[in-house]
Amino acid sequence: MDSAGTSSWHRGEQPDPGSIKVCRKYGLDITGQKSRPVSTKDVENFQYFIAMDKSNYWTLKNEYAIPDEKMFLMRDFDPNRDGNRDVPDPYGMSDSSFEEVYKMIDRSMAGFLEFLKEKHPDIFRG
């Protein structure tokens, strides 16, 4: 698993301080993460691509020709999603906005793990 952006604007930077703060609250230390752009190597190396919003989804599809079966929006896996499937960017917003996005991603990741268990049961056998 890895994380990358569709641009190189923040290459090498740590996550937003609001993200660091809310993750720390839940026992996660993300201070070692550094921003990097998606590369053509990623398309070869990763089985799934999960975009946070439709804009990034279409950038990945159009610029990297990622097949439909490999592409998802994060909230495709959120059992509480409403009509909007985008994860909002809380940049420049309140602490509560970062908290809301964290919870949205946490729910979505639980759904993604269930998807993986169904698609790849051999990986989860103990």
Protein backbone atom coordinates (compact mmCIF):
# COMPACT_ATOMS: atom_id res chain seq x y z
CA MET A 1 0.00 0.00 0.00
CA ASP A 2 1.19 3.50 -0.79
CA SER A 3 -0.12 7.01 -1.21
CA ALA A 4 0.55 9.43 -4.06
CA GLY A 5 -0.95 12.57 -5.52
CA THR A 6 -1.96 13.45 -9.06
CA SER A 7 0.35 16.48 -9.02
CA SER A 8 3.82 17.25 -7.71
CA TRP A 9 2.94 20.53 -5.98
CA HIS A 10 3.72 19.22 -2.50
CA ARG A 11 6.47 16.74 -3.40
CA GLY A 12 8.49 15.80 -0.33
CA GLU A 13 6.22 17.56 2.15
CA GLN A 14 4.67 16.01 5.24
CA PRO A 15 0.89 15.69 5.55
CA ASP A 16 -1.10 18.76 6.56
CA PRO A 17 -0.74 19.60 10.28
CA GLY A 18 -4.50 19.06 10.67
CA SER A 19 -4.16 15.51 9.35
CA ILE A 20 -1.19 14.83 11.62
CA LYS A 21 -3.13 16.12 14.63
CA VAL A 22 -6.28 14.06 14.05
CA CYS A 23 -4.32 10.89 13.22
CA ARG A 24 -2.27 11.30 16.38
CA LYS A 25 -5.56 11.50 18.33
CA TYR A 26 -6.37 8.00 17.01
CA GLY A 27 -2.91 6.59 17.73
CA LEU A 28 -1.48 6.95 14.22
CA ASP A 29 1.82 8.65 13.49
CA ILE A 30 1.89 9.87 9.89
CA THR A 31 4.77 12.33 10.31
CA GLY A 32 7.10 10.03 8.36
CA GLN A 33 4.96 10.23 5.22
CA LYS A 34 6.13 12.42 2.37
CA SER A 35 4.09 13.55 -0.61
CA ARG A 36 5.00 12.17 -4.01
CA PRO A 37 3.30 12.18 -7.40
CA VAL A 38 1.86 9.07 -9.05
CA SER A 39 4.28 7.46 -11.51
CA THR A 40 3.93 5.12 -14.45
CA LYS A 41 5.68 2.49 -12.29
CA ASP A 42 2.73 2.63 -9.89
CA VAL A 43 0.44 1.39 -12.66
CA GLU A 44 2.63 -1.71 -13.01
CA ASN A 45 3.12 -2.25 -9.27
CA PHE A 46 -0.33 -1.76 -7.77
CA GLN A 47 -3.49 -3.77 -8.24
CA TYR A 48 -5.95 -1.09 -7.10
CA PHE A 49 -6.09 2.69 -7.25
CA ILE A 50 -8.38 4.58 -4.91
CA ALA A 51 -9.00 8.25 -5.61
CA MET A 52 -10.37 10.66 -3.03
CA ASP A 53 -12.54 12.56 -5.50
CA LYS A 54 -13.85 12.44 -9.06
CA SER A 55 -11.28 14.94 -10.32
CA ASN A 56 -8.38 12.74 -9.19
CA TYR A 57 -10.22 9.64 -10.42
CA TRP A 58 -10.45 11.03 -13.95
CA THR A 59 -6.88 12.32 -13.87
CA LEU A 60 -5.68 8.81 -13.03
CA LYS A 61 -7.89 7.23 -15.70
CA ASN A 62 -6.92 9.68 -18.43
CA GLU A 63 -3.22 10.23 -17.74
CA TYR A 64 -2.30 6.69 -16.70
CA ALA A 65 -4.91 4.60 -18.57
CA ILE A 66 -5.77 2.63 -15.44
CA PRO A 67 -8.44 0.01 -16.28
CA ASP A 68 -11.91 0.33 -14.75
CA GLU A 69 -11.53 -2.82 -12.64
CA LYS A 70 -8.53 -1.26 -10.86
CA MET A 71 -10.12 2.16 -10.18
CA PHE A 72 -12.35 3.19 -7.30
CA LEU A 73 -13.38 6.24 -5.36
CA MET A 74 -12.64 5.96 -1.63
CA ARG A 75 -16.28 6.47 -0.74
CA ASP A 76 -17.34 3.58 -2.98
CA PHE A 77 -16.55 1.59 0.18
CA ASP A 78 -18.25 3.94 2.69
CA PRO A 79 -21.49 2.39 4.02
CA ASN A 80 -22.65 5.88 5.15
CA ARG A 81 -22.02 7.68 1.87
CA ASP A 82 -24.64 10.03 0.61
CA GLY A 83 -25.08 11.03 -3.03
CA ASN A 84 -21.66 12.73 -3.05
CA ARG A 85 -18.88 10.16 -3.43
CA ASP A 86 -16.01 12.66 -3.01
CA VAL A 87 -13.89 12.86 0.13
CA PRO A 88 -13.67 16.61 0.78
CA ASP A 89 -10.26 18.22 1.12
CA PRO A 90 -10.18 19.77 4.61
CA TYR A 91 -7.15 21.98 3.80
CA GLY A 92 -7.55 25.37 5.47
CA MET A 93 -10.63 24.26 7.37
CA SER A 94 -11.37 23.61 11.05
CA ASP A 95 -10.14 20.72 13.18
CA SER A 96 -13.63 19.26 13.05
CA SER A 97 -13.39 19.08 9.23
CA PHE A 98 -10.21 17.01 9.51
CA GLU A 99 -11.96 14.81 12.07
CA GLU A 100 -14.94 14.30 9.77
CA VAL A 101 -12.69 13.34 6.84
CA TYR A 102 -10.72 10.95 9.07
CA LYS A 103 -13.93 9.16 10.08
CA MET A 104 -15.09 9.03 6.46
CA ILE A 105 -11.81 7.44 5.36
CA ASP A 106 -11.79 5.07 8.35
CA ARG A 107 -15.27 3.76 7.45
CA SER A 108 -14.29 3.51 3.81
CA MET A 109 -11.12 1.56 4.58
CA ALA A 110 -13.13 -0.94 6.61
CA GLY A 111 -15.35 -1.38 3.55
CA PHE A 112 -12.31 -1.73 1.30
CA LEU A 113 -10.92 -4.48 3.53
CA GLU A 114 -14.25 -6.33 3.22
CA PHE A 115 -14.00 -5.95 -0.57
CA LEU A 116 -10.47 -7.39 -0.49
CA LYS A 117 -11.61 -10.32 1.67
CA GLU A 118 -14.28 -11.16 -0.90
CA LYS A 119 -12.01 -10.70 -3.92
CA HIS A 120 -8.90 -12.32 -2.43
CA PRO A 121 -9.93 -14.72 0.34
CA ASP A 122 -6.60 -16.55 0.10
CA ILE A 123 -4.79 -13.47 1.47
CA PHE A 124 -6.93 -13.45 4.63
CA ARG A 125 -6.73 -17.11 5.55
CA GLY A 126 -5.06 -17.59 8.88
